[in-house]
């Protein structure tokens, strides 16, 4: 963590072996721009250049997936960020910006009072709104969030198990994940 902090501050280029989840390891030349902690993990964002020279802007690397010593590349000029990180995370939960995915309004209906209060007091996202306050007779309350769907959103919502129901266009994707899990355990 301190290595990246000082590299960002001093505008230094770094090189390291990176092992992304489910993909082959690759050596990256990295121009670090921003550090973010999410879910007890640290991520560094910046310009990543692979061995073939392909560039990945606003690339994020989980620090625990770095598989080698981090060395400084002294003969390469540092490229500054063109991303405004003060707003970069506004439309997502977590750290993953998926390409080609638009922001959606997702409605979340709590199916018990405990879950309703959990979501009310520990907001899922800053865009969260109460659509329907807790109804004692129906035993439901509904919220909405406006986000770009990603892996972290799916994981967060799956953590509520059968205590929520999803509405809106994201319902189909959520339902497919539930089917996949059901089939996994139904074999």
Protein backbone atom coordinates (compact mmCIF):
# COMPACT_ATOMS: atom_id res chain seq x y z
CA UNK A 1 0.00 0.00 0.00
CA UNK A 2 2.70 2.57 0.86
CA UNK A 3 4.54 1.75 -2.39
CA UNK A 4 1.51 2.77 -4.43
CA UNK A 5 0.73 5.76 -2.24
CA UNK A 6 4.22 7.21 -2.76
CA UNK A 7 4.24 6.30 -6.46
CA UNK A 8 0.98 8.23 -6.94
CA UNK A 9 2.29 11.18 -4.94
CA UNK A 10 5.66 11.24 -6.72
CA UNK A 11 4.24 10.30 -10.17
CA UNK A 12 6.36 7.18 -10.64
CA UNK A 13 5.80 4.30 -13.06
CA UNK A 14 5.86 0.78 -11.61
CA UNK A 15 6.14 -2.77 -12.95
CA UNK A 16 4.77 -5.97 -11.43
CA UNK A 17 3.29 -9.36 -12.25
CA UNK A 18 -0.47 -9.32 -11.89
CA UNK A 19 -2.72 -12.37 -11.51
CA UNK A 20 -6.31 -11.31 -12.24
CA UNK A 21 -9.06 -13.65 -11.12
CA UNK A 22 -9.77 -16.32 -13.75
CA UNK A 23 -7.26 -14.94 -16.27
CA UNK A 24 -3.59 -15.61 -16.99
CA UNK A 25 -0.88 -13.74 -15.12
CA UNK A 26 0.63 -10.81 -16.96
CA UNK A 27 3.44 -8.36 -16.43
CA UNK A 28 2.13 -4.81 -16.21
CA UNK A 29 3.78 -1.46 -16.51
CA UNK A 30 1.53 0.63 -14.30
CA UNK A 31 0.99 4.37 -13.92
CA UNK A 32 -0.83 4.50 -10.56
CA UNK A 33 -3.43 7.25 -10.08
CA UNK A 34 -5.78 6.37 -7.23
CA UNK A 35 -6.10 4.04 -4.22
CA UNK A 36 -9.45 2.78 -2.94
CA UNK A 37 -10.44 0.38 -0.20
CA UNK A 38 -13.58 -1.67 -0.71
CA UNK A 39 -14.84 -4.56 1.37
CA UNK A 40 -11.58 -4.80 3.35
CA UNK A 41 -9.46 -4.99 0.15
CA UNK A 42 -7.26 -2.34 -1.41
CA UNK A 43 -7.32 -1.54 -5.13
CA UNK A 44 -5.08 0.70 -7.18
CA UNK A 45 -6.42 2.41 -10.30
CA UNK A 46 -4.32 3.68 -13.14
CA UNK A 47 -3.03 3.16 -16.65
CA UNK A 48 -1.93 -0.45 -17.14
CA UNK A 49 0.18 -1.47 -20.13
CA UNK A 50 0.67 -5.19 -20.81
CA UNK A 51 3.60 -6.99 -22.49
CA UNK A 52 2.12 -6.44 -25.98
CA UNK A 53 1.75 -2.70 -25.35
CA UNK A 54 -2.05 -2.78 -24.98
CA UNK A 55 -3.23 0.02 -22.71
CA UNK A 56 -6.01 -0.21 -20.13
CA UNK A 57 -7.15 3.15 -18.77
CA UNK A 58 -8.73 3.36 -15.30
CA UNK A 59 -7.65 -0.23 -14.79
CA UNK A 60 -8.03 -1.54 -11.26
CA UNK A 61 -5.70 -4.02 -9.63
CA UNK A 62 -6.41 -5.68 -6.31
CA UNK A 63 -3.22 -5.34 -4.28
CA UNK A 64 -3.52 -8.91 -3.00
CA UNK A 65 -3.28 -10.22 -6.59
CA UNK A 66 0.15 -8.75 -7.26
CA UNK A 67 2.42 -11.75 -7.72
CA UNK A 68 5.93 -10.28 -7.76
CA UNK A 69 8.16 -7.57 -6.40
CA UNK A 70 7.05 -4.10 -7.44
CA UNK A 71 9.83 -2.28 -9.23
CA UNK A 72 10.11 1.28 -10.46
CA UNK A 73 10.47 1.92 -14.21
CA UNK A 74 12.83 4.88 -14.25
CA UNK A 75 13.11 5.33 -18.04
CA UNK A 76 9.36 5.80 -18.68
CA UNK A 77 7.52 9.11 -18.41
CA UNK A 78 4.53 9.02 -16.04
CA UNK A 79 1.13 9.47 -17.68
CA UNK A 80 -1.31 11.43 -15.56
CA UNK A 81 -4.93 10.42 -15.18
CA UNK A 82 -7.71 11.70 -17.38
CA UNK A 83 -10.31 10.18 -15.02
CA UNK A 84 -12.02 12.28 -12.37
CA UNK A 85 -11.84 9.89 -9.43
CA UNK A 86 -13.93 12.25 -7.29
CA UNK A 87 -16.96 11.15 -9.37
CA UNK A 88 -15.74 7.85 -10.89
CA UNK A 89 -17.43 5.70 -8.22
CA UNK A 90 -20.70 7.67 -8.00
CA UNK A 91 -22.72 5.29 -10.20
CA UNK A 92 -21.41 1.96 -8.92
CA UNK A 93 -21.22 -0.13 -5.80
CA UNK A 94 -17.65 -1.26 -5.19
CA UNK A 95 -14.85 -0.80 -7.69
CA UNK A 96 -15.86 -2.46 -10.98
CA UNK A 97 -16.96 -0.38 -13.96
CA UNK A 98 -18.18 -2.82 -16.61
CA UNK A 99 -17.88 -1.57 -20.18
CA UNK A 100 -21.06 -1.00 -22.17
CA UNK A 101 -23.38 -1.21 -19.15
CA UNK A 102 -25.73 1.70 -18.44
CA UNK A 103 -27.08 2.99 -15.17
CA UNK A 104 -30.40 1.41 -14.13
CA UNK A 105 -33.04 2.04 -11.53
CA UNK A 106 -33.25 -1.08 -9.38
CA UNK A 107 -36.12 -1.56 -6.96
CA UNK A 108 -35.55 -3.65 -3.85
CA UNK A 109 -38.47 -4.83 -1.78
CA UNK A 110 -37.72 -5.91 1.77
CA UNK A 111 -39.82 -8.90 2.86
CA UNK A 112 -39.40 -8.46 6.63
CA UNK A 113 -39.07 -5.51 8.98
CA UNK A 114 -35.53 -6.37 10.08
CA UNK A 115 -34.28 -6.33 6.48
CA UNK A 116 -36.22 -3.14 5.77
CA UNK A 117 -34.55 -1.40 8.71
CA UNK A 118 -31.13 -2.80 7.72
CA UNK A 119 -31.43 -1.27 4.25
CA UNK A 120 -32.94 1.95 5.62
CA UNK A 121 -30.18 2.55 8.18
CA UNK A 122 -27.23 1.15 6.22
CA UNK A 123 -27.86 2.54 2.77
CA UNK A 124 -26.88 0.39 -0.20
CA UNK A 125 -25.89 3.41 -2.32
CA UNK A 126 -26.06 7.19 -2.05
CA UNK A 127 -28.85 7.26 -4.67
CA UNK A 128 -31.10 5.14 -2.43
CA UNK A 129 -34.69 6.34 -2.04
CA UNK A 130 -37.61 4.98 -0.07
CA UNK A 131 -40.37 4.23 -2.56
CA UNK A 132 -42.81 2.69 -0.06
CA UNK A 133 -42.25 2.88 3.69
CA UNK A 134 -42.73 -0.26 5.73
CA UNK A 135 -46.33 -1.48 5.42
CA UNK A 136 -47.30 -3.52 8.50
CA UNK A 137 -50.20 -5.23 6.72
CA UNK A 138 -48.33 -6.20 3.53
CA UNK A 139 -45.12 -6.76 5.51
CA UNK A 140 -43.03 -5.08 2.82
CA UNK A 141 -41.15 -1.86 2.17
CA UNK A 142 -39.52 -0.81 -1.09
CA UNK A 143 -36.38 1.12 -2.02
CA UNK A 144 -34.74 2.14 -5.27
CA UNK A 145 -31.13 2.74 -6.24
CA UNK A 146 -29.71 4.08 -9.51
CA UNK A 147 -26.47 2.28 -10.33
CA UNK A 148 -24.51 0.59 -13.07
CA UNK A 149 -24.89 -3.14 -12.32
CA UNK A 150 -21.64 -4.97 -11.54
CA UNK A 151 -20.29 -7.93 -9.58
CA UNK A 152 -20.22 -6.06 -6.28
CA UNK A 153 -23.90 -5.09 -6.61
CA UNK A 154 -24.85 -8.70 -7.30
CA UNK A 155 -22.87 -9.92 -4.29
CA UNK A 156 -24.38 -7.29 -2.03
CA UNK A 157 -27.94 -8.13 -3.05
CA UNK A 158 -27.35 -11.90 -2.90
CA UNK A 159 -26.28 -11.41 0.72
CA UNK A 160 -29.90 -10.59 1.58
CA UNK A 161 -30.92 -14.08 0.40
CA UNK A 162 -34.71 -14.57 0.41
CA UNK A 163 -35.35 -11.43 2.45
CA UNK A 164 -35.60 -9.18 -0.62
CA UNK A 165 -37.18 -9.23 -4.04
CA UNK A 166 -35.75 -7.32 -7.01
CA UNK A 167 -37.89 -5.38 -9.49
CA UNK A 168 -37.06 -3.47 -12.67
CA UNK A 169 -34.91 -4.55 -15.59
CA UNK A 170 -32.23 -5.95 -13.25
CA UNK A 171 -34.72 -8.55 -12.01
CA UNK A 172 -33.98 -10.81 -15.00
CA UNK A 173 -30.22 -10.85 -14.34
CA UNK A 174 -30.77 -11.42 -10.62
CA UNK A 175 -33.22 -14.24 -11.34
CA UNK A 176 -30.69 -15.92 -13.68
CA UNK A 177 -28.10 -15.90 -10.90
CA UNK A 178 -30.58 -17.46 -8.49
CA UNK A 179 -31.35 -20.18 -11.06
CA UNK A 180 -27.64 -20.84 -11.51
CA UNK A 181 -27.20 -21.26 -7.76
CA UNK A 182 -30.30 -23.43 -7.49
CA UNK A 183 -29.03 -25.71 -10.28
CA UNK A 184 -25.65 -25.94 -8.60
CA UNK A 185 -27.22 -27.30 -5.41
CA UNK A 186 -29.99 -29.28 -7.10
CA UNK A 187 -27.62 -31.70 -8.89
